[in-house]
Amino acid sequence: VDKADDCIGEAVEKQVAALPDGTVLLLENVRFYKEEEKNDPEFAKKLASLADLYVNDAFGTAHRAHASTEGVTKFLKPSVAGFLLQK
């Protein structure tokens, strides 16, 4: 698992592009951006552009309509529930 210093932007995009298949990149906390809680579509689109799919396994935050939990699902397919949410 690699770690990014931000969650959006050119540096993160370059890190994603350089990842070998099967590698995971841990992004910086999205809550540092006001666009996260506002469910800003452009912010959600930037987050979604970094991924191949979306798995929500955060039961405690699943009810929030934030960019990283609800907004990205408009741009990422598949978007699925994780094992914890299935329970």
PDB file of N, CA and C in Angstrom:
ATOM      1  N   VAL A   1       0.854  -1.176   0.000  1.00  0.00           N
ATOM      2  CA  VAL A   1       0.000   0.000   0.000  1.00  0.00           C
ATOM      3  C   VAL A   1       0.895   1.233   0.000  1.00  0.00           C
ATOM      4  N   ASP A   2       0.639   2.118  -0.952  1.00  0.00           N
ATOM      5  CA  ASP A   2       1.346   3.392  -1.018  1.00  0.00           C
ATOM      6  C   ASP A   2       0.470   4.478  -0.399  1.00  0.00           C
ATOM      7  N   LYS A   3       1.069   5.593  -0.003  1.00  0.00           N
ATOM      8  CA  LYS A   3       0.351   6.706   0.622  1.00  0.00           C
ATOM      9  C   LYS A   3       0.550   7.972  -0.196  1.00  0.00           C
ATOM     10  N   ALA A   4      -0.559   8.686  -0.448  1.00  0.00           N
ATOM     11  CA  ALA A   4      -0.505   9.970  -1.148  1.00  0.00           C
ATOM     12  C   ALA A   4      -0.577  11.102  -0.128  1.00  0.00           C
ATOM     13  N   ASP A   5       0.024  12.231  -0.455  1.00  0.00           N
ATOM     14  CA  ASP A   5       0.007  13.390   0.432  1.00  0.00           C
ATOM     15  C   ASP A   5      -1.247  14.240   0.271  1.00  0.00           C
ATOM     16  N   ASP A   6      -2.086  13.915  -0.696  1.00  0.00           N
ATOM     17  CA  ASP A   6      -3.322  14.644  -0.951  1.00  0.00           C
ATOM     18  C   ASP A   6      -4.342  13.629  -1.449  1.00  0.00           C
ATOM     19  N   CYS A   7      -5.566  14.091  -1.730  1.00  0.00           N
ATOM     20  CA  CYS A   7      -6.571  13.164  -2.248  1.00  0.00           C
ATOM     21  C   CYS A   7      -6.993  13.513  -3.673  1.00  0.00           C
ATOM     22  N   ILE A   8      -6.611  14.679  -4.154  1.00  0.00           N
ATOM     23  CA  ILE A   8      -6.863  15.076  -5.540  1.00  0.00           C
ATOM     24  C   ILE A   8      -5.655  15.866  -6.026  1.00  0.00           C
ATOM     25  N   GLY A   9      -5.616  16.107  -7.322  1.00  0.00           N
ATOM     26  CA  GLY A   9      -4.556  16.944  -7.870  1.00  0.00           C
ATOM     27  C   GLY A   9      -3.587  16.180  -8.751  1.00  0.00           C
ATOM     28  N   GLU A  10      -2.746  16.940  -9.408  1.00  0.00           N
ATOM     29  CA  GLU A  10      -1.812  16.395 -10.391  1.00  0.00           C
ATOM     30  C   GLU A  10      -0.832  15.393  -9.781  1.00  0.00           C
ATOM     31  N   ALA A  11      -0.321  15.682  -8.600  1.00  0.00           N
ATOM     32  CA  ALA A  11       0.643  14.771  -7.966  1.00  0.00           C
ATOM     33  C   ALA A  11       0.001  13.414  -7.676  1.00  0.00           C
ATOM     34  N   VAL A  12      -1.243  13.431  -7.213  1.00  0.00           N
ATOM     35  CA  VAL A  12      -1.955  12.182  -6.925  1.00  0.00           C
ATOM     36  C   VAL A  12      -2.241  11.433  -8.226  1.00  0.00           C
ATOM     37  N   GLU A  13      -2.639  12.155  -9.256  1.00  0.00           N
ATOM     38  CA  GLU A  13      -2.903  11.531 -10.554  1.00  0.00           C
ATOM     39  C   GLU A  13      -1.652  10.831 -11.083  1.00  0.00           C
ATOM     40  N   LYS A  14      -0.493  11.456 -10.907  1.00  0.00           N
ATOM     41  CA  LYS A  14       0.766  10.839 -11.342  1.00  0.00           C
ATOM     42  C   LYS A  14       1.070   9.589 -10.533  1.00  0.00           C
ATOM     43  N   GLN A  15       0.806   9.637  -9.218  1.00  0.00           N
ATOM     44  CA  GLN A  15       1.022   8.455  -8.384  1.00  0.00           C
ATOM     45  C   GLN A  15       0.136   7.302  -8.836  1.00  0.00           C
ATOM     46  N   VAL A  16      -1.120   7.603  -9.116  1.00  0.00           N
ATOM     47  CA  VAL A  16      -2.060   6.574  -9.565  1.00  0.00           C
ATOM     48  C   VAL A  16      -1.598   5.980 -10.888  1.00  0.00           C
ATOM     49  N   ALA A  17      -1.186   6.822 -11.810  1.00  0.00           N
ATOM     50  CA  ALA A  17      -0.746   6.350 -13.127  1.00  0.00           C
ATOM     51  C   ALA A  17       0.482   5.451 -13.030  1.00  0.00           C
ATOM     52  N   ALA A  18       1.307   5.661 -12.024  1.00  0.00           N
ATOM     53  CA  ALA A  18       2.542   4.885 -11.875  1.00  0.00           C
ATOM     54  C   ALA A  18       2.360   3.604 -11.059  1.00  0.00           C
ATOM     55  N   LEU A  19       1.170   3.380 -10.522  1.00  0.00           N
ATOM     56  CA  LEU A  19       0.948   2.195  -9.684  1.00  0.00           C
ATOM     57  C   LEU A  19       0.980   0.911 -10.504  1.00  0.00           C
ATOM     58  N   PRO A  20       1.689  -0.089 -10.037  1.00  0.00           N
ATOM     59  CA  PRO A  20       1.610  -1.401 -10.684  1.00  0.00           C
ATOM     60  C   PRO A  20       0.228  -2.012 -10.427  1.00  0.00           C
ATOM     61  N   ASP A  21      -0.222  -2.892 -11.308  1.00  0.00           N
ATOM     62  CA  ASP A  21      -1.500  -3.576 -11.110  1.00  0.00           C
ATOM     63  C   ASP A  21      -1.524  -4.254  -9.745  1.00  0.00           C
ATOM     64  N   GLY A  22      -2.676  -4.182  -9.085  1.00  0.00           N
ATOM     65  CA  GLY A  22      -2.844  -4.828  -7.797  1.00  0.00           C
ATOM     66  C   GLY A  22      -2.377  -4.013  -6.612  1.00  0.00           C
ATOM     67  N   THR A  23      -1.882  -2.801  -6.856  1.00  0.00           N
ATOM     68  CA  THR A  23      -1.394  -1.946  -5.782  1.00  0.00           C
ATOM     69  C   THR A  23      -2.508  -1.021  -5.303  1.00  0.00           C
ATOM     70  N   VAL A  24      -2.489  -0.712  -4.023  1.00  0.00           N
ATOM     71  CA  VAL A  24      -3.471   0.184  -3.419  1.00  0.00           C
ATOM     72  C   VAL A  24      -2.784   1.495  -3.053  1.00  0.00           C
ATOM     73  N   LEU A  25      -3.474   2.606  -3.295  1.00  0.00           N
ATOM     74  CA  LEU A  25      -2.969   3.919  -2.904  1.00  0.00           C
ATOM     75  C   LEU A  25      -3.913   4.501  -1.860  1.00  0.00           C
ATOM     76  N   LEU A  26      -3.397   4.773  -0.683  1.00  0.00           N
ATOM     77  CA  LEU A  26      -4.165   5.391   0.390  1.00  0.00           C
ATOM     78  C   LEU A  26      -4.101   6.903   0.217  1.00  0.00           C
ATOM     79  N   LEU A  27      -5.263   7.520   0.002  1.00  0.00           N
ATOM     80  CA  LEU A  27      -5.329   8.964  -0.201  1.00  0.00           C
ATOM     81  C   LEU A  27      -5.374   9.694   1.138  1.00  0.00           C
ATOM     82  N   GLU A  28      -4.963  10.959   1.129  1.00  0.00           N
ATOM     83  CA  GLU A  28      -5.063  11.801   2.320  1.00  0.00           C
ATOM     84  C   GLU A  28      -6.537  12.006   2.663  1.00  0.00           C
ATOM     85  N   ASN A  29      -6.820  12.404   3.869  1.00  0.00           N
ATOM     86  CA  ASN A  29      -8.169  12.583   4.386  1.00  0.00           C
ATOM     87  C   ASN A  29      -8.966  13.584   3.537  1.00  0.00           C
ATOM     88  N   VAL A  30     -10.092  13.133   2.980  1.00  0.00           N
ATOM     89  CA  VAL A  30     -10.929  13.987   2.129  1.00  0.00           C
ATOM     90  C   VAL A  30     -11.617  15.094   2.915  1.00  0.00           C
ATOM     91  N   ARG A  31     -11.714  14.944   4.219  1.00  0.00           N
ATOM     92  CA  ARG A  31     -12.417  15.939   5.033  1.00  0.00           C
ATOM     93  C   ARG A  31     -11.625  17.232   5.210  1.00  0.00           C
ATOM     94  N   PHE A  32     -10.408  17.274   4.703  1.00  0.00           N
ATOM     95  CA  PHE A  32      -9.653  18.524   4.690  1.00  0.00           C
ATOM     96  C   PHE A  32     -10.214  19.488   3.636  1.00  0.00           C
ATOM     97  N   TYR A  33     -11.073  18.988   2.757  1.00  0.00           N
ATOM     98  CA  TYR A  33     -11.679  19.799   1.700  1.00  0.00           C
ATOM     99  C   TYR A  33     -13.139  20.091   2.045  1.00  0.00           C
ATOM    100  N   LYS A  34     -13.533  21.361   1.997  1.00  0.00           N
ATOM    101  CA  LYS A  34     -14.927  21.718   2.285  1.00  0.00           C
ATOM    102  C   LYS A  34     -15.883  21.101   1.266  1.00  0.00           C
ATOM    103  N   GLU A  35     -15.386  20.808   0.076  1.00  0.00           N
ATOM    104  CA  GLU A  35     -16.210  20.215  -0.982  1.00  0.00           C
ATOM    105  C   GLU A  35     -16.703  18.814  -0.616  1.00  0.00           C
ATOM    106  N   GLU A  36     -16.002  18.152   0.294  1.00  0.00           N
ATOM    107  CA  GLU A  36     -16.387  16.803   0.717  1.00  0.00           C
ATOM    108  C   GLU A  36     -17.770  16.801   1.349  1.00  0.00           C
ATOM    109  N   GLU A  37     -17.968  17.591   2.390  1.00  0.00           N
ATOM    110  CA  GLU A  37     -19.257  17.614   3.087  1.00  0.00           C
ATOM    111  C   GLU A  37     -20.361  18.256   2.251  1.00  0.00           C
ATOM    112  N   LYS A  38     -19.993  19.098   1.301  1.00  0.00           N
ATOM    113  CA  LYS A  38     -20.982  19.734   0.423  1.00  0.00           C
ATOM    114  C   LYS A  38     -21.404  18.813  -0.718  1.00  0.00           C
ATOM    115  N   ASN A  39     -20.759  17.657  -0.832  1.00  0.00           N
ATOM    116  CA  ASN A  39     -21.027  16.709  -1.918  1.00  0.00           C
ATOM    117  C   ASN A  39     -20.873  17.392  -3.278  1.00  0.00           C
ATOM    118  N   ASP A  40     -19.814  18.161  -3.403  1.00  0.00           N
ATOM    119  CA  ASP A  40     -19.539  18.901  -4.632  1.00  0.00           C
ATOM    120  C   ASP A  40     -19.287  17.928  -5.786  1.00  0.00           C
ATOM    121  N   PRO A  41     -20.063  18.028  -6.870  1.00  0.00           N
ATOM    122  CA  PRO A  41     -19.919  17.086  -7.985  1.00  0.00           C
ATOM    123  C   PRO A  41     -18.536  17.098  -8.632  1.00  0.00           C
ATOM    124  N   GLU A  42     -17.914  18.253  -8.741  1.00  0.00           N
ATOM    125  CA  GLU A  42     -16.580  18.316  -9.354  1.00  0.00           C
ATOM    126  C   GLU A  42     -15.533  17.643  -8.473  1.00  0.00           C
ATOM    127  N   PHE A  43     -15.652  17.819  -7.167  1.00  0.00           N
ATOM    128  CA  PHE A  43     -14.747  17.154  -6.234  1.00  0.00           C
ATOM    129  C   PHE A  43     -14.953  15.640  -6.304  1.00  0.00           C
ATOM    130  N   ALA A  44     -16.213  15.213  -6.321  1.00  0.00           N
ATOM    131  CA  ALA A  44     -16.525  13.782  -6.427  1.00  0.00           C
ATOM    132  C   ALA A  44     -15.974  13.201  -7.727  1.00  0.00           C
ATOM    133  N   LYS A  45     -16.096  13.949  -8.802  1.00  0.00           N
ATOM    134  CA  LYS A  45     -15.596  13.490 -10.101  1.00  0.00           C
ATOM    135  C   LYS A  45     -14.077  13.336 -10.077  1.00  0.00           C
ATOM    136  N   LYS A  46     -13.384  14.269  -9.425  1.00  0.00           N
ATOM    137  CA  LYS A  46     -11.924  14.173  -9.309  1.00  0.00           C
ATOM    138  C   LYS A  46     -11.528  12.943  -8.503  1.00  0.00           C
ATOM    139  N   LEU A  47     -12.233  12.694  -7.404  1.00  0.00           N
ATOM    140  CA  LEU A  47     -11.953  11.494  -6.609  1.00  0.00           C
ATOM    141  C   LEU A  47     -12.212  10.234  -7.429  1.00  0.00           C
ATOM    142  N   ALA A  48     -13.342  10.207  -8.103  1.00  0.00           N
ATOM    143  CA  ALA A  48     -13.725   9.032  -8.885  1.00  0.00           C
ATOM    144  C   ALA A  48     -12.748   8.753 -10.021  1.00  0.00           C
ATOM    145  N   SER A  49     -12.156   9.787 -10.564  1.00  0.00           N
ATOM    146  CA  SER A  49     -11.231   9.596 -11.690  1.00  0.00           C
ATOM    147  C   SER A  49      -9.985   8.810 -11.287  1.00  0.00           C
ATOM    148  N   LEU A  50      -9.750   8.680  -9.996  1.00  0.00           N
ATOM    149  CA  LEU A  50      -8.562   7.980  -9.500  1.00  0.00           C
ATOM    150  C   LEU A  50      -8.798   6.489  -9.275  1.00  0.00           C
ATOM    151  N   ALA A  51     -10.033   6.041  -9.418  1.00  0.00           N
ATOM    152  CA  ALA A  51     -10.370   4.664  -9.040  1.00  0.00           C
ATOM    153  C   ALA A  51     -11.017   3.890 -10.179  1.00  0.00           C
ATOM    154  N   ASP A  52     -11.025   2.582 -10.018  1.00  0.00           N
ATOM    155  CA  ASP A  52     -11.682   1.696 -10.979  1.00  0.00           C
ATOM    156  C   ASP A  52     -13.076   1.289 -10.510  1.00  0.00           C
ATOM    157  N   LEU A  53     -13.285   1.281  -9.202  1.00  0.00           N
ATOM    158  CA  LEU A  53     -14.571   0.902  -8.623  1.00  0.00           C
ATOM    159  C   LEU A  53     -14.689   1.512  -7.241  1.00  0.00           C
ATOM    160  N   TYR A  54     -15.887   1.414  -6.649  1.00  0.00           N
ATOM    161  CA  TYR A  54     -16.122   1.981  -5.322  1.00  0.00           C
ATOM    162  C   TYR A  54     -16.774   0.937  -4.436  1.00  0.00           C
ATOM    163  N   VAL A  55     -16.195   0.716  -3.259  1.00  0.00           N
ATOM    164  CA  VAL A  55     -16.764  -0.173  -2.249  1.00  0.00           C
ATOM    165  C   VAL A  55     -16.977   0.645  -0.983  1.00  0.00           C
ATOM    166  N   ASN A  56     -18.223   0.749  -0.540  1.00  0.00           N
ATOM    167  CA  ASN A  56     -18.524   1.447   0.712  1.00  0.00           C
ATOM    168  C   ASN A  56     -18.694   0.405   1.803  1.00  0.00           C
ATOM    169  N   ASP A  57     -17.786   0.416   2.763  1.00  0.00           N
ATOM    170  CA  ASP A  57     -17.888  -0.484   3.905  1.00  0.00           C
ATOM    171  C   ASP A  57     -17.845   0.310   5.207  1.00  0.00           C
ATOM    172  N   ALA A  58     -18.193   1.582   5.129  1.00  0.00           N
ATOM    173  CA  ALA A  58     -18.180   2.459   6.298  1.00  0.00           C
ATOM    174  C   ALA A  58     -19.610   2.642   6.797  1.00  0.00           C
ATOM    175  N   PHE A  59     -20.085   1.672   7.564  1.00  0.00           N
ATOM    176  CA  PHE A  59     -21.465   1.691   8.045  1.00  0.00           C
ATOM    177  C   PHE A  59     -21.793   2.989   8.782  1.00  0.00           C
ATOM    178  N   GLY A  60     -20.871   3.459   9.603  1.00  0.00           N
ATOM    179  CA  GLY A  60     -21.110   4.644  10.420  1.00  0.00           C
ATOM    180  C   GLY A  60     -21.271   5.935   9.640  1.00  0.00           C
ATOM    181  N   THR A  61     -20.841   5.960   8.385  1.00  0.00           N
ATOM    182  CA  THR A  61     -20.959   7.176   7.574  1.00  0.00           C
ATOM    183  C   THR A  61     -21.799   6.971   6.316  1.00  0.00           C
ATOM    184  N   ALA A  62     -22.378   5.799   6.159  1.00  0.00           N
ATOM    185  CA  ALA A  62     -23.124   5.483   4.933  1.00  0.00           C
ATOM    186  C   ALA A  62     -24.341   6.385   4.733  1.00  0.00           C
ATOM    187  N   HIS A  63     -24.860   6.953   5.805  1.00  0.00           N
ATOM    188  CA  HIS A  63     -26.042   7.816   5.704  1.00  0.00           C
ATOM    189  C   HIS A  63     -25.705   9.231   5.228  1.00  0.00           C
ATOM    190  N   ARG A  64     -24.432   9.567   5.173  1.00  0.00           N
ATOM    191  CA  ARG A  64     -24.027  10.919   4.787  1.00  0.00           C
ATOM    192  C   ARG A  64     -23.931  11.057   3.270  1.00  0.00           C
ATOM    193  N   ALA A  65     -24.510  12.121   2.758  1.00  0.00           N
ATOM    194  CA  ALA A  65     -24.412  12.393   1.322  1.00  0.00           C
ATOM    195  C   ALA A  65     -23.206  13.292   1.085  1.00  0.00           C
ATOM    196  N   HIS A  66     -22.022  12.720   1.203  1.00  0.00           N
ATOM    197  CA  HIS A  66     -20.779  13.451   0.985  1.00  0.00           C
ATOM    198  C   HIS A  66     -20.173  13.026  -0.346  1.00  0.00           C
ATOM    199  N   ALA A  67     -19.231  13.808  -0.815  1.00  0.00           N
ATOM    200  CA  ALA A  67     -18.620  13.537  -2.121  1.00  0.00           C
ATOM    201  C   ALA A  67     -17.964  12.161  -2.183  1.00  0.00           C
ATOM    202  N   SER A  68     -17.325  11.745  -1.089  1.00  0.00           N
ATOM    203  CA  SER A  68     -16.600  10.471  -1.110  1.00  0.00           C
ATOM    204  C   SER A  68     -17.480   9.266  -0.818  1.00  0.00           C
ATOM    205  N   THR A  69     -18.727   9.486  -0.388  1.00  0.00           N
ATOM    206  CA  THR A  69     -19.611   8.356  -0.095  1.00  0.00           C
ATOM    207  C   THR A  69     -20.801   8.261  -1.042  1.00  0.00           C
ATOM    208  N   GLU A  70     -21.321   9.378  -1.472  1.00  0.00           N
ATOM    209  CA  GLU A  70     -22.474   9.382  -2.375  1.00  0.00           C
ATOM    210  C   GLU A  70     -22.123   9.951  -3.744  1.00  0.00           C
ATOM    211  N   GLY A  71     -21.367  11.025  -3.750  1.00  0.00           N
ATOM    212  CA  GLY A  71     -21.042  11.693  -5.011  1.00  0.00           C
ATOM    213  C   GLY A  71     -20.269  10.833  -5.992  1.00  0.00           C
ATOM    214  N   VAL A  72     -19.287  10.095  -5.498  1.00  0.00           N
ATOM    215  CA  VAL A  72     -18.458   9.275  -6.393  1.00  0.00           C
ATOM    216  C   VAL A  72     -19.249   8.169  -7.075  1.00  0.00           C
ATOM    217  N   THR A  73     -20.359   7.746  -6.469  1.00  0.00           N
ATOM    218  CA  THR A  73     -21.142   6.653  -7.065  1.00  0.00           C
ATOM    219  C   THR A  73     -21.771   7.054  -8.393  1.00  0.00           C
ATOM    220  N   LYS A  74     -21.868   8.349  -8.641  1.00  0.00           N
ATOM    221  CA  LYS A  74     -22.408   8.820  -9.923  1.00  0.00           C
ATOM    222  C   LYS A  74     -21.393   8.680 -11.053  1.00  0.00           C
ATOM    223  N   PHE A  75     -20.122   8.515 -10.683  1.00  0.00           N
ATOM    224  CA  PHE A  75     -19.051   8.465 -11.676  1.00  0.00           C
ATOM    225  C   PHE A  75     -18.326   7.120 -11.721  1.00  0.00           C
ATOM    226  N   LEU A  76     -18.522   6.285 -10.718  1.00  0.00           N
ATOM    227  CA  LEU A  76     -17.826   4.995 -10.656  1.00  0.00           C
ATOM    228  C   LEU A  76     -18.808   3.839 -10.730  1.00  0.00           C
ATOM    229  N   LYS A  77     -18.585   2.969 -11.668  1.00  0.00           N
ATOM    230  CA  LYS A  77     -19.360   1.737 -11.795  1.00  0.00           C
ATOM    231  C   LYS A  77     -18.371   0.599 -11.951  1.00  0.00           C
ATOM    232  N   PRO A  78     -18.413  -0.396 -11.132  1.00  0.00           N
ATOM    233  CA  PRO A  78     -19.449  -0.608 -10.131  1.00  0.00           C
ATOM    234  C   PRO A  78     -19.208   0.181  -8.852  1.00  0.00           C
ATOM    235  N   SER A  79     -20.308   0.455  -8.157  1.00  0.00           N
ATOM    236  CA  SER A  79     -20.297   0.999  -6.799  1.00  0.00           C
ATOM    237  C   SER A  79     -21.088   0.016  -5.956  1.00  0.00           C
ATOM    238  N   VAL A  80     -20.434  -0.574  -4.982  1.00  0.00           N
ATOM    239  CA  VAL A  80     -21.053  -1.675  -4.240  1.00  0.00           C
ATOM    240  C   VAL A  80     -20.893  -1.499  -2.732  1.00  0.00           C
ATOM    241  N   ALA A  81     -21.680  -2.264  -1.982  1.00  0.00           N
ATOM    242  CA  ALA A  81     -21.566  -2.321  -0.523  1.00  0.00           C
ATOM    243  C   ALA A  81     -20.526  -3.366  -0.154  1.00  0.00           C
ATOM    244  N   GLY A  82     -19.783  -3.090   0.901  1.00  0.00           N
ATOM    245  CA  GLY A  82     -18.794  -4.039   1.396  1.00  0.00           C
ATOM    246  C   GLY A  82     -19.422  -5.061   2.331  1.00  0.00           C
ATOM    247  N   PHE A  83     -18.592  -5.948   2.865  1.00  0.00           N
ATOM    248  CA  PHE A  83     -19.066  -7.031   3.721  1.00  0.00           C
ATOM    249  C   PHE A  83     -19.760  -6.522   4.984  1.00  0.00           C
ATOM    250  N   LEU A  84     -19.237  -5.463   5.600  1.00  0.00           N
ATOM    251  CA  LEU A  84     -19.845  -4.929   6.815  1.00  0.00           C
ATOM    252  C   LEU A  84     -21.249  -4.408   6.540  1.00  0.00           C
ATOM    253  N   LEU A  85     -21.439  -3.718   5.447  1.00  0.00           N
ATOM    254  CA  LEU A  85     -22.767  -3.205   5.104  1.00  0.00           C
ATOM    255  C   LEU A  85     -23.721  -4.328   4.747  1.00  0.00           C
ATOM    256  N   GLN A  86     -23.221  -5.407   4.191  1.00  0.00           N
ATOM    257  CA  GLN A  86     -24.086  -6.538   3.861  1.00  0.00           C
ATOM    258  C   GLN A  86     -24.681  -7.174   5.106  1.00  0.00           C
ATOM    259  N   LYS A  87     -23.907  -7.167   6.208  1.00  0.00           N
ATOM    260  CA  LYS A  87     -24.410  -7.752   7.456  1.00  0.00           C
ATOM    261  C   LYS A  87     -25.601  -6.966   7.939  1.00  0.00           C
TER     262      LYS A  87
END
